[in-house]
Amino acid sequence: MIRSCRAGTMPRRIVIAVAAALVPLIAGCEAGTNAPSLQWHQPTDGTTTTIGGLTISNAFVLGAPLGSELRPGENAGLFFALTNTGTSGDRLIGISAPGLARSVLLPGGRVVVNSQHSVLLTGPRPQVILEHLLRTVTGGSVVTLVLSFRSAGQLTLRVPVMPMAQYYATLSPAPTPTASAAKPTAAPAGKHHHKHASPSPSASP
């Protein structure tokens, strides 16, 4: 059963702020005080949802600066945190963005979330990349993602697109797609694919 944290009586901003304060304490138990997972950025207005013992918090896509937009073919960064309060570990094995991106790149191809631990994919550099956008994406819009977990199953998530402004401007944009991935390799000019017969030696008169 999927339950949203927004259904509670506590104001949403307070819930997010409390989650932001608690997650580093959990993560610190796993990797010490210098762990990369402690690099938590300022609390956001992203989506917060639970599935089983997993909580996906502060999920958002980083858009373009104010007055501009992400174009088809570009990449976009997805930021969020995963907290596992269950009794067994789980892993995020895939994310899809139907109608939005050609593919979604996960760090190492999967994200392992051990029991009573958190993984912060919160920046400042994006670790989850929406590759090769299929349409224009503007700040203030909402996009649909499907997260697939090995044990918890699938979760459809509506995620806001935050423009790169105010404290979101401290985050890094997604890397630029490589030209080789965007278009097929063309045959060198002047070369043809049809086969020519090898010339035979001239016969003696």
N, C-alpha and C. Protein backbone atom coordinates (compact mmCIF):
# COMPACT_ATOMS: atom_id res chain seq x y z
N MET A 1 0.84 -1.18 0.00
CA MET A 1 0.00 0.00 0.00
C MET A 1 0.88 1.24 0.00
N ILE A 2 0.59 2.21 -0.86
CA ILE A 2 1.38 3.42 -0.97
C ILE A 2 0.72 4.52 -0.15
N ARG A 3 1.52 5.17 0.68
CA ARG A 3 0.96 6.21 1.54
C ARG A 3 1.81 7.47 1.39
N SER A 4 1.17 8.62 1.25
CA SER A 4 1.89 9.87 1.10
C SER A 4 2.05 10.55 2.44
N CYS A 5 3.25 11.11 2.69
CA CYS A 5 3.49 11.83 3.93
C CYS A 5 2.69 13.11 4.00
N ARG A 6 2.20 13.59 2.87
CA ARG A 6 1.46 14.84 2.87
C ARG A 6 0.08 14.71 3.50
N ALA A 7 -0.34 13.50 3.80
CA ALA A 7 -1.67 13.30 4.36
C ALA A 7 -1.70 13.58 5.85
N GLY A 8 -0.58 13.78 6.48
CA GLY A 8 -0.53 14.02 7.91
C GLY A 8 -1.03 15.39 8.27
N THR A 9 -1.16 15.63 9.58
CA THR A 9 -1.67 16.90 10.05
C THR A 9 -0.59 17.95 10.19
N MET A 10 0.68 17.56 10.24
CA MET A 10 1.77 18.50 10.38
C MET A 10 1.98 19.24 9.07
N PRO A 11 2.23 20.57 9.09
CA PRO A 11 2.48 21.32 7.86
C PRO A 11 3.60 20.72 7.06
N ARG A 12 3.47 20.76 5.74
CA ARG A 12 4.40 20.06 4.85
C ARG A 12 5.83 20.57 4.98
N ARG A 13 6.03 21.87 5.09
CA ARG A 13 7.38 22.41 5.20
C ARG A 13 8.06 21.92 6.47
N ILE A 14 7.28 21.78 7.57
CA ILE A 14 7.87 21.30 8.82
C ILE A 14 8.27 19.84 8.68
N VAL A 15 7.42 19.04 8.01
CA VAL A 15 7.76 17.63 7.78
C VAL A 15 9.06 17.51 7.02
N ILE A 16 9.23 18.31 5.96
CA ILE A 16 10.44 18.25 5.16
C ILE A 16 11.65 18.68 5.96
N ALA A 17 11.50 19.74 6.76
CA ALA A 17 12.63 20.21 7.57
C ALA A 17 13.05 19.17 8.60
N VAL A 18 12.07 18.51 9.22
CA VAL A 18 12.39 17.47 10.19
C VAL A 18 13.09 16.31 9.50
N ALA A 19 12.60 15.91 8.34
CA ALA A 19 13.24 14.81 7.60
C ALA A 19 14.68 15.18 7.24
N ALA A 20 14.89 16.42 6.85
CA ALA A 20 16.24 16.85 6.49
C ALA A 20 17.18 16.79 7.68
N ALA A 21 16.66 17.03 8.87
CA ALA A 21 17.50 17.00 10.06
C ALA A 21 17.80 15.57 10.51
N LEU A 22 16.84 14.66 10.31
CA LEU A 22 17.00 13.30 10.79
C LEU A 22 17.82 12.42 9.87
N VAL A 23 17.71 12.64 8.56
CA VAL A 23 18.37 11.75 7.61
C VAL A 23 19.87 11.71 7.79
N PRO A 24 20.59 12.85 7.99
CA PRO A 24 22.03 12.74 8.21
C PRO A 24 22.41 11.93 9.43
N LEU A 25 21.57 11.93 10.45
CA LEU A 25 21.88 11.14 11.65
C LEU A 25 21.85 9.66 11.33
N ILE A 26 20.88 9.24 10.51
CA ILE A 26 20.80 7.84 10.12
C ILE A 26 21.97 7.48 9.22
N ALA A 27 22.25 8.35 8.24
CA ALA A 27 23.31 8.05 7.28
C ALA A 27 24.67 8.03 7.94
N GLY A 28 24.88 8.86 8.94
CA GLY A 28 26.17 8.92 9.60
C GLY A 28 26.54 7.63 10.28
N CYS A 29 25.57 6.86 10.70
CA CYS A 29 25.84 5.57 11.34
C CYS A 29 26.49 4.60 10.35
N GLU A 30 26.22 4.81 9.05
CA GLU A 30 26.69 3.87 8.05
C GLU A 30 28.12 4.17 7.61
N ALA A 31 28.47 5.45 7.45
CA ALA A 31 29.75 5.75 6.81
C ALA A 31 30.57 6.81 7.53
N GLY A 32 30.22 7.20 8.74
CA GLY A 32 31.03 8.16 9.47
C GLY A 32 30.66 9.59 9.13
N THR A 33 31.30 10.53 9.82
CA THR A 33 30.92 11.93 9.69
C THR A 33 31.38 12.55 8.39
N ASN A 34 32.29 11.92 7.65
CA ASN A 34 32.76 12.47 6.38
C ASN A 34 32.07 11.83 5.18
N ALA A 35 30.99 11.10 5.41
CA ALA A 35 30.33 10.39 4.32
C ALA A 35 29.76 11.37 3.31
N PRO A 36 29.86 11.06 1.98
CA PRO A 36 29.24 11.91 0.97
C PRO A 36 27.74 12.07 1.17
N SER A 37 27.10 11.05 1.79
CA SER A 37 25.65 11.11 1.99
C SER A 37 25.24 12.20 2.96
N LEU A 38 26.20 12.80 3.68
CA LEU A 38 25.85 13.88 4.60
C LEU A 38 25.77 15.23 3.90
N GLN A 39 26.04 15.28 2.61
CA GLN A 39 26.00 16.53 1.88
C GLN A 39 24.55 16.87 1.51
N TRP A 40 23.78 17.18 2.51
CA TRP A 40 22.36 17.48 2.32
C TRP A 40 22.19 18.95 1.98
N HIS A 41 21.46 19.26 0.91
CA HIS A 41 21.25 20.66 0.57
C HIS A 41 20.01 21.17 1.29
N GLN A 42 19.74 22.44 1.12
CA GLN A 42 18.64 23.10 1.82
C GLN A 42 17.31 22.40 1.52
N PRO A 43 16.42 22.27 2.53
CA PRO A 43 15.13 21.59 2.30
C PRO A 43 14.37 22.20 1.13
N THR A 44 13.66 21.35 0.40
CA THR A 44 12.97 21.77 -0.81
C THR A 44 11.47 21.51 -0.70
N ASP A 45 10.77 21.89 -1.76
CA ASP A 45 9.34 21.62 -1.85
C ASP A 45 9.04 20.42 -2.73
N GLY A 46 9.98 19.49 -2.85
CA GLY A 46 9.79 18.33 -3.69
C GLY A 46 8.79 17.34 -3.10
N THR A 47 8.50 16.31 -3.89
CA THR A 47 7.53 15.29 -3.50
C THR A 47 8.09 14.39 -2.40
N THR A 48 7.26 14.03 -1.44
CA THR A 48 7.62 13.07 -0.39
C THR A 48 6.55 11.98 -0.34
N THR A 49 6.96 10.73 -0.55
CA THR A 49 6.03 9.61 -0.63
C THR A 49 6.66 8.37 -0.02
N THR A 50 5.84 7.47 0.50
CA THR A 50 6.35 6.22 1.07
C THR A 50 5.78 5.03 0.31
N ILE A 51 6.57 3.95 0.27
CA ILE A 51 6.13 2.68 -0.27
C ILE A 51 6.78 1.60 0.57
N GLY A 52 5.97 0.81 1.27
CA GLY A 52 6.51 -0.17 2.19
C GLY A 52 7.29 0.54 3.29
N GLY A 53 8.51 0.09 3.53
CA GLY A 53 9.36 0.74 4.53
C GLY A 53 10.27 1.80 3.96
N LEU A 54 10.07 2.17 2.69
CA LEU A 54 10.91 3.15 2.03
C LEU A 54 10.21 4.50 1.94
N THR A 55 10.97 5.56 2.17
CA THR A 55 10.46 6.91 1.99
C THR A 55 11.29 7.61 0.93
N ILE A 56 10.63 8.10 -0.11
CA ILE A 56 11.27 8.92 -1.13
C ILE A 56 10.94 10.37 -0.78
N SER A 57 11.95 11.16 -0.44
CA SER A 57 11.68 12.52 0.05
C SER A 57 12.38 13.57 -0.80
N ASN A 58 11.75 14.75 -0.85
CA ASN A 58 12.29 15.92 -1.53
C ASN A 58 12.67 15.63 -2.98
N ALA A 59 11.84 14.88 -3.68
CA ALA A 59 12.13 14.53 -5.07
C ALA A 59 11.74 15.68 -6.00
N PHE A 60 12.67 16.08 -6.87
CA PHE A 60 12.38 17.11 -7.86
C PHE A 60 13.36 16.99 -9.02
N VAL A 61 12.96 17.53 -10.15
CA VAL A 61 13.82 17.64 -11.32
C VAL A 61 14.32 19.07 -11.39
N LEU A 62 15.62 19.25 -11.62
CA LEU A 62 16.18 20.60 -11.74
C LEU A 62 15.98 21.10 -13.16
N GLY A 63 15.24 22.20 -13.27
CA GLY A 63 14.99 22.78 -14.58
C GLY A 63 16.05 23.78 -15.00
N ALA A 64 15.74 24.56 -16.01
CA ALA A 64 16.65 25.59 -16.51
C ALA A 64 16.48 26.86 -15.67
N PRO A 65 17.39 27.83 -15.81
CA PRO A 65 17.22 29.11 -15.11
C PRO A 65 15.93 29.80 -15.52
N LEU A 66 15.49 30.75 -14.70
CA LEU A 66 14.26 31.49 -14.99
C LEU A 66 14.34 32.14 -16.36
N GLY A 67 13.25 32.06 -17.10
CA GLY A 67 13.21 32.65 -18.43
C GLY A 67 13.68 31.74 -19.54
N SER A 68 14.11 30.52 -19.19
CA SER A 68 14.54 29.55 -20.20
C SER A 68 13.94 28.19 -19.88
N GLU A 69 14.23 27.21 -20.71
CA GLU A 69 13.65 25.89 -20.54
C GLU A 69 14.61 24.83 -21.05
N LEU A 70 14.40 23.59 -20.60
CA LEU A 70 15.19 22.47 -21.10
C LEU A 70 14.57 22.00 -22.41
N ARG A 71 15.42 21.80 -23.42
CA ARG A 71 14.95 21.46 -24.76
C ARG A 71 15.02 19.96 -25.00
N PRO A 72 14.24 19.46 -25.96
CA PRO A 72 14.36 18.05 -26.34
C PRO A 72 15.80 17.71 -26.73
N GLY A 73 16.26 16.54 -26.29
CA GLY A 73 17.62 16.11 -26.56
C GLY A 73 18.58 16.42 -25.43
N GLU A 74 18.22 17.36 -24.54
CA GLU A 74 19.07 17.69 -23.41
C GLU A 74 18.85 16.69 -22.27
N ASN A 75 19.70 16.76 -21.26
CA ASN A 75 19.56 15.94 -20.06
C ASN A 75 19.03 16.79 -18.91
N ALA A 76 18.51 16.12 -17.89
CA ALA A 76 18.03 16.81 -16.68
C ALA A 76 18.41 15.98 -15.46
N GLY A 77 18.70 16.65 -14.37
CA GLY A 77 19.05 15.98 -13.13
C GLY A 77 17.84 15.75 -12.24
N LEU A 78 17.79 14.58 -11.63
CA LEU A 78 16.74 14.23 -10.67
C LEU A 78 17.37 14.12 -9.30
N PHE A 79 16.80 14.80 -8.32
CA PHE A 79 17.33 14.83 -6.97
C PHE A 79 16.29 14.27 -5.99
N PHE A 80 16.73 13.44 -5.05
CA PHE A 80 15.83 12.92 -4.03
C PHE A 80 16.66 12.18 -2.98
N ALA A 81 15.99 11.80 -1.89
CA ALA A 81 16.61 10.99 -0.85
C ALA A 81 15.77 9.74 -0.63
N LEU A 82 16.44 8.65 -0.28
CA LEU A 82 15.78 7.38 0.04
C LEU A 82 16.10 7.00 1.47
N THR A 83 15.08 6.72 2.27
CA THR A 83 15.27 6.28 3.65
C THR A 83 14.53 4.97 3.86
N ASN A 84 15.22 3.98 4.40
CA ASN A 84 14.65 2.66 4.63
C ASN A 84 14.47 2.45 6.12
N THR A 85 13.23 2.47 6.59
CA THR A 85 12.93 2.23 7.99
C THR A 85 12.44 0.80 8.22
N GLY A 86 12.49 -0.03 7.18
CA GLY A 86 12.03 -1.41 7.30
C GLY A 86 13.06 -2.30 7.94
N THR A 87 12.71 -3.57 8.05
CA THR A 87 13.59 -4.54 8.71
C THR A 87 14.53 -5.24 7.74
N SER A 88 14.36 -5.01 6.43
CA SER A 88 15.25 -5.64 5.45
C SER A 88 15.64 -4.61 4.40
N GLY A 89 16.78 -4.85 3.77
CA GLY A 89 17.25 -3.94 2.75
C GLY A 89 16.47 -4.06 1.45
N ASP A 90 16.63 -3.06 0.60
CA ASP A 90 15.98 -3.06 -0.71
C ASP A 90 16.91 -2.33 -1.67
N ARG A 91 16.56 -2.32 -2.92
CA ARG A 91 17.35 -1.58 -3.88
C ARG A 91 16.47 -1.01 -4.98
N LEU A 92 16.81 0.17 -5.41
CA LEU A 92 16.16 0.81 -6.54
C LEU A 92 16.84 0.28 -7.80
N ILE A 93 16.10 -0.45 -8.62
CA ILE A 93 16.71 -1.12 -9.76
C ILE A 93 16.43 -0.41 -11.08
N GLY A 94 15.58 0.58 -11.07
CA GLY A 94 15.33 1.30 -12.31
C GLY A 94 14.33 2.43 -12.14
N ILE A 95 14.47 3.44 -13.01
CA ILE A 95 13.51 4.54 -13.09
C ILE A 95 13.19 4.75 -14.56
N SER A 96 11.94 4.93 -14.87
CA SER A 96 11.54 5.28 -16.23
C SER A 96 10.79 6.60 -16.20
N ALA A 97 10.84 7.30 -17.33
CA ALA A 97 10.16 8.60 -17.46
C ALA A 97 9.35 8.58 -18.74
N PRO A 98 8.18 7.91 -18.74
CA PRO A 98 7.40 7.73 -19.96
C PRO A 98 7.03 9.06 -20.62
N GLY A 99 7.38 9.19 -21.90
CA GLY A 99 7.06 10.40 -22.64
C GLY A 99 7.91 11.59 -22.29
N LEU A 100 8.85 11.42 -21.37
CA LEU A 100 9.66 12.55 -20.91
C LEU A 100 11.12 12.40 -21.31
N ALA A 101 11.71 11.22 -21.08
CA ALA A 101 13.13 11.01 -21.36
C ALA A 101 13.32 9.63 -21.97
N ARG A 102 14.36 9.52 -22.81
CA ARG A 102 14.64 8.25 -23.45
C ARG A 102 15.05 7.19 -22.44
N SER A 103 15.83 7.59 -21.43
CA SER A 103 16.28 6.66 -20.41
C SER A 103 16.63 7.44 -19.15
N VAL A 104 16.81 6.72 -18.03
CA VAL A 104 17.19 7.33 -16.76
C VAL A 104 18.41 6.58 -16.25
N LEU A 105 19.48 7.31 -15.99
CA LEU A 105 20.73 6.72 -15.55
C LEU A 105 20.83 6.75 -14.04
N LEU A 106 21.03 5.56 -13.42
CA LEU A 106 21.24 5.44 -11.99
C LEU A 106 22.73 5.29 -11.70
N PRO A 107 23.22 5.79 -10.57
CA PRO A 107 24.64 5.61 -10.24
C PRO A 107 24.96 4.14 -10.02
N GLY A 108 25.86 3.59 -10.84
CA GLY A 108 26.19 2.19 -10.74
C GLY A 108 25.11 1.25 -11.24
N GLY A 109 24.06 1.79 -11.85
CA GLY A 109 22.98 0.98 -12.38
C GLY A 109 21.92 0.58 -11.36
N ARG A 110 22.14 0.88 -10.10
CA ARG A 110 21.17 0.55 -9.04
C ARG A 110 21.54 1.35 -7.79
N VAL A 111 20.57 1.46 -6.87
CA VAL A 111 20.81 2.16 -5.61
C VAL A 111 20.40 1.23 -4.47
N VAL A 112 21.36 0.78 -3.67
CA VAL A 112 21.10 -0.11 -2.55
C VAL A 112 20.77 0.72 -1.32
N VAL A 113 19.66 0.37 -0.65
CA VAL A 113 19.25 1.07 0.57
C VAL A 113 19.12 0.03 1.68
N ASN A 114 20.10 -0.05 2.55
CA ASN A 114 20.07 -1.01 3.64
C ASN A 114 19.04 -0.63 4.69
N SER A 115 18.63 -1.61 5.48
CA SER A 115 17.66 -1.35 6.55
C SER A 115 18.20 -0.32 7.52
N GLN A 116 17.34 0.64 7.91
CA GLN A 116 17.66 1.69 8.87
C GLN A 116 18.79 2.60 8.37
N HIS A 117 18.87 2.79 7.07
CA HIS A 117 19.86 3.68 6.48
C HIS A 117 19.20 4.55 5.41
N SER A 118 19.95 5.57 5.01
CA SER A 118 19.49 6.48 3.97
C SER A 118 20.54 6.63 2.89
N VAL A 119 20.08 6.96 1.71
CA VAL A 119 20.95 7.32 0.59
C VAL A 119 20.47 8.67 0.07
N LEU A 120 21.36 9.65 0.06
CA LEU A 120 20.99 11.00 -0.35
C LEU A 120 21.53 11.28 -1.75
N LEU A 121 20.64 11.33 -2.70
CA LEU A 121 21.00 11.68 -4.07
C LEU A 121 20.59 13.13 -4.29
N THR A 122 21.14 14.00 -3.44
CA THR A 122 20.64 15.37 -3.30
C THR A 122 21.60 16.44 -3.80
N GLY A 123 22.69 16.04 -4.41
CA GLY A 123 23.57 17.03 -5.00
C GLY A 123 24.80 17.33 -4.17
N PRO A 124 25.53 18.38 -4.56
CA PRO A 124 25.11 19.38 -5.55
C PRO A 124 25.14 18.92 -7.01
N ARG A 125 25.89 17.86 -7.32
CA ARG A 125 25.88 17.32 -8.68
C ARG A 125 24.83 16.21 -8.79
N PRO A 126 24.06 16.18 -9.87
CA PRO A 126 23.05 15.13 -10.00
C PRO A 126 23.68 13.77 -10.23
N GLN A 127 23.21 12.76 -9.51
CA GLN A 127 23.67 11.39 -9.70
C GLN A 127 22.67 10.56 -10.51
N VAL A 128 21.43 11.02 -10.55
CA VAL A 128 20.40 10.37 -11.37
C VAL A 128 20.08 11.31 -12.52
N ILE A 129 20.23 10.82 -13.75
CA ILE A 129 20.13 11.67 -14.93
C ILE A 129 19.00 11.20 -15.84
N LEU A 130 18.10 12.13 -16.17
CA LEU A 130 17.09 11.88 -17.20
C LEU A 130 17.77 12.18 -18.53
N GLU A 131 18.03 11.14 -19.32
CA GLU A 131 18.83 11.28 -20.52
C GLU A 131 17.97 11.50 -21.77
N HIS A 132 18.38 12.49 -22.58
CA HIS A 132 17.77 12.78 -23.87
C HIS A 132 16.26 13.03 -23.72
N LEU A 133 15.93 14.21 -23.24
CA LEU A 133 14.53 14.59 -23.07
C LEU A 133 13.78 14.49 -24.39
N LEU A 134 12.54 14.04 -24.31
CA LEU A 134 11.71 13.87 -25.50
C LEU A 134 10.84 15.07 -25.78
N ARG A 135 10.76 16.00 -24.82
CA ARG A 135 9.94 17.20 -24.99
C ARG A 135 10.51 18.34 -24.16
N THR A 136 10.00 19.52 -24.38
CA THR A 136 10.43 20.69 -23.62
C THR A 136 9.98 20.58 -22.18
N VAL A 137 10.85 20.95 -21.25
CA VAL A 137 10.53 20.89 -19.82
C VAL A 137 10.74 22.28 -19.23
N THR A 138 9.71 22.81 -18.61
CA THR A 138 9.77 24.16 -18.04
C THR A 138 9.67 24.11 -16.52
N GLY A 139 10.29 25.08 -15.86
CA GLY A 139 10.19 25.19 -14.42
C GLY A 139 8.76 25.46 -13.99
N GLY A 140 8.34 24.84 -12.90
CA GLY A 140 6.97 24.99 -12.41
C GLY A 140 6.04 23.91 -12.90
N SER A 141 6.47 23.11 -13.85
CA SER A 141 5.63 22.01 -14.33
C SER A 141 5.82 20.77 -13.45
N VAL A 142 5.06 19.73 -13.73
CA VAL A 142 5.12 18.48 -12.98
C VAL A 142 5.30 17.34 -13.98
N VAL A 143 6.19 16.42 -13.67
CA VAL A 143 6.46 15.29 -14.56
C VAL A 143 6.18 13.99 -13.82
N THR A 144 5.99 12.92 -14.59
CA THR A 144 5.67 11.61 -14.02
C THR A 144 6.85 10.67 -14.19
N LEU A 145 7.25 10.03 -13.09
CA LEU A 145 8.32 9.05 -13.10
C LEU A 145 7.81 7.74 -12.50
N VAL A 146 8.41 6.63 -12.90
CA VAL A 146 8.06 5.32 -12.33
C VAL A 146 9.33 4.73 -11.73
N LEU A 147 9.33 4.53 -10.41
CA LEU A 147 10.47 3.96 -9.70
C LEU A 147 10.21 2.48 -9.46
N SER A 148 11.20 1.64 -9.74
CA SER A 148 11.06 0.19 -9.57
C SER A 148 12.04 -0.29 -8.51
N PHE A 149 11.52 -0.90 -7.45
CA PHE A 149 12.33 -1.45 -6.37
C PHE A 149 12.28 -2.97 -6.43
N ARG A 150 13.36 -3.61 -6.02
CA ARG A 150 13.43 -5.07 -6.08
C ARG A 150 12.36 -5.70 -5.21
N SER A 151 12.16 -5.22 -3.98
CA SER A 151 11.20 -5.83 -3.05
C SER A 151 9.91 -5.03 -2.94
N ALA A 152 10.00 -3.72 -2.87
CA ALA A 152 8.81 -2.89 -2.63
C ALA A 152 7.92 -2.78 -3.86
N GLY A 153 8.46 -3.06 -5.05
CA GLY A 153 7.65 -2.98 -6.26
C GLY A 153 7.77 -1.63 -6.95
N GLN A 154 6.74 -1.27 -7.73
CA GLN A 154 6.76 -0.05 -8.53
C GLN A 154 5.97 1.06 -7.87
N LEU A 155 6.47 2.27 -8.06
CA LEU A 155 5.81 3.46 -7.52
C LEU A 155 5.78 4.54 -8.60
N THR A 156 4.59 5.04 -8.93
CA THR A 156 4.45 6.15 -9.86
C THR A 156 4.47 7.45 -9.06
N LEU A 157 5.36 8.34 -9.46
CA LEU A 157 5.63 9.55 -8.68
C LEU A 157 5.45 10.78 -9.56
N ARG A 158 4.69 11.75 -9.07
CA ARG A 158 4.53 13.05 -9.73
C ARG A 158 5.54 14.01 -9.10
N VAL A 159 6.47 14.49 -9.90
CA VAL A 159 7.62 15.23 -9.39
C VAL A 159 7.63 16.64 -9.97
N PRO A 160 7.82 17.67 -9.14
CA PRO A 160 7.88 19.04 -9.66
C PRO A 160 9.21 19.33 -10.34
N VAL A 161 9.17 20.24 -11.30
CA VAL A 161 10.38 20.75 -11.95
C VAL A 161 10.69 22.11 -11.33
N MET A 162 11.83 22.21 -10.63
CA MET A 162 12.21 23.43 -9.95
C MET A 162 13.15 24.25 -10.84
N PRO A 163 12.81 25.52 -11.13
CA PRO A 163 13.73 26.32 -11.91
C PRO A 163 15.04 26.56 -11.17
N MET A 164 16.13 26.73 -11.90
CA MET A 164 17.44 26.93 -11.30
C MET A 164 17.54 28.38 -10.80
N ALA A 165 16.95 28.61 -9.63
CA ALA A 165 16.91 29.95 -9.03
C ALA A 165 16.98 29.80 -7.52
N GLN A 166 17.29 30.90 -6.82
CA GLN A 166 17.45 30.92 -5.37
C GLN A 166 18.42 29.81 -4.96
N TYR A 167 18.09 29.00 -3.93
CA TYR A 167 19.06 28.00 -3.52
C TYR A 167 19.16 26.83 -4.48
N TYR A 168 18.22 26.69 -5.41
CA TYR A 168 18.36 25.67 -6.46
C TYR A 168 19.48 26.04 -7.43
N ALA A 169 19.85 27.32 -7.47
CA ALA A 169 20.94 27.75 -8.36
C ALA A 169 22.29 27.23 -7.89
N THR A 170 22.39 26.73 -6.65
CA THR A 170 23.65 26.18 -6.16
C THR A 170 23.88 24.75 -6.65
N LEU A 171 22.86 24.14 -7.25
CA LEU A 171 22.98 22.77 -7.76
C LEU A 171 23.53 22.79 -9.18
N SER A 172 24.20 21.73 -9.57
CA SER A 172 24.79 21.64 -10.90
C SER A 172 23.79 21.07 -11.89
N PRO A 173 23.76 21.58 -13.12
CA PRO A 173 22.89 21.00 -14.14
C PRO A 173 23.41 19.64 -14.58
N ALA A 174 22.58 18.90 -15.25
CA ALA A 174 22.98 17.58 -15.77
C ALA A 174 24.02 17.75 -16.86
N PRO A 175 24.91 16.78 -17.03
CA PRO A 175 25.91 16.88 -18.10
C PRO A 175 25.26 16.89 -19.47
N THR A 176 25.95 17.51 -20.41
CA THR A 176 25.46 17.60 -21.78
C THR A 176 25.55 16.24 -22.47
N PRO A 177 24.51 15.84 -23.22
CA PRO A 177 24.58 14.56 -23.93
C PRO A 177 25.74 14.56 -24.93
N THR A 178 26.33 13.39 -25.14
CA THR A 178 27.41 13.28 -26.11
C THR A 178 26.83 13.23 -27.51
N ALA A 179 27.55 13.81 -28.47
CA ALA A 179 27.06 13.85 -29.84
C ALA A 179 26.91 12.47 -30.43
N SER A 180 27.81 11.54 -30.03
CA SER A 180 27.75 10.19 -30.59
C SER A 180 26.50 9.45 -30.17
N ALA A 181 26.00 9.77 -28.95
CA ALA A 181 24.78 9.10 -28.48
C ALA A 181 23.54 9.70 -29.10
N ALA A 182 23.63 10.96 -29.56
CA ALA A 182 22.44 11.63 -30.06
C ALA A 182 22.15 11.32 -31.53
N LYS A 183 23.19 10.97 -32.31
CA LYS A 183 22.96 10.72 -33.72
C LYS A 183 23.80 9.53 -34.18
N PRO A 184 23.32 8.77 -35.18
CA PRO A 184 24.10 7.64 -35.68
C PRO A 184 25.34 8.11 -36.42
N THR A 185 26.34 7.25 -36.48
CA THR A 185 27.57 7.59 -37.17
C THR A 185 27.36 7.48 -38.67
N ALA A 186 27.74 8.53 -39.41
CA ALA A 186 27.56 8.55 -40.85
C ALA A 186 28.78 7.92 -41.52
N ALA A 187 28.57 7.37 -42.70
CA ALA A 187 29.68 6.79 -43.45
C ALA A 187 30.58 7.90 -43.96
N PRO A 188 31.91 7.73 -43.98
CA PRO A 188 32.82 8.76 -44.48
C PRO A 188 32.49 9.16 -45.90
N ALA A 189 32.64 10.48 -46.16
CA ALA A 189 32.32 10.99 -47.49
C ALA A 189 33.22 10.33 -48.53
N GLY A 190 32.63 10.05 -49.68
CA GLY A 190 33.40 9.50 -50.77
C GLY A 190 33.49 7.99 -50.76
N LYS A 191 33.01 7.35 -49.69
CA LYS A 191 33.05 5.90 -49.62
C LYS A 191 31.65 5.35 -49.83
N HIS A 192 31.54 4.26 -50.54
CA HIS A 192 30.25 3.67 -50.85
C HIS A 192 30.19 2.27 -50.28
N HIS A 193 28.99 1.83 -49.99
CA HIS A 193 28.82 0.53 -49.37
C HIS A 193 28.76 -0.61 -50.39
N HIS A 194 28.51 -0.28 -51.72
CA HIS A 194 28.43 -1.40 -52.66
C HIS A 194 29.83 -1.88 -53.00
N LYS A 195 29.92 -3.15 -53.33
CA LYS A 195 31.20 -3.80 -53.55
C LYS A 195 31.61 -3.68 -55.01
N HIS A 196 32.89 -3.27 -55.20
CA HIS A 196 33.42 -3.18 -56.55
C HIS A 196 34.20 -4.46 -56.87
N ALA A 197 34.13 -4.90 -58.11
CA ALA A 197 34.91 -6.05 -58.53
C ALA A 197 36.37 -5.64 -58.69
N SER A 198 37.29 -6.47 -58.25
CA SER A 198 38.70 -6.17 -58.38
C SER A 198 39.11 -6.24 -59.84
N PRO A 199 39.89 -5.24 -60.28
CA PRO A 199 40.29 -5.28 -61.70
C PRO A 199 41.17 -6.48 -61.97
N SER A 200 40.93 -7.15 -63.13
CA SER A 200 41.74 -8.32 -63.50
C SER A 200 42.96 -7.87 -64.28
N PRO A 201 44.04 -8.59 -64.19
CA PRO A 201 45.24 -8.22 -64.93
C PRO A 201 44.96 -8.18 -66.44
N SER A 202 45.59 -7.28 -67.14
CA SER A 202 45.40 -7.17 -68.60
C SER A 202 45.98 -8.38 -69.30
N ALA A 203 45.24 -8.90 -70.24
CA ALA A 203 45.72 -10.08 -70.98
C ALA A 203 46.77 -9.66 -72.00
N SER A 204 47.77 -10.50 -72.17
CA SER A 204 48.81 -10.21 -73.16
C SER A 204 48.25 -10.39 -74.55
N PRO A 205 48.61 -9.54 -75.46
CA PRO A 205 48.10 -9.72 -76.84
C PRO A 205 48.63 -10.96 -77.47
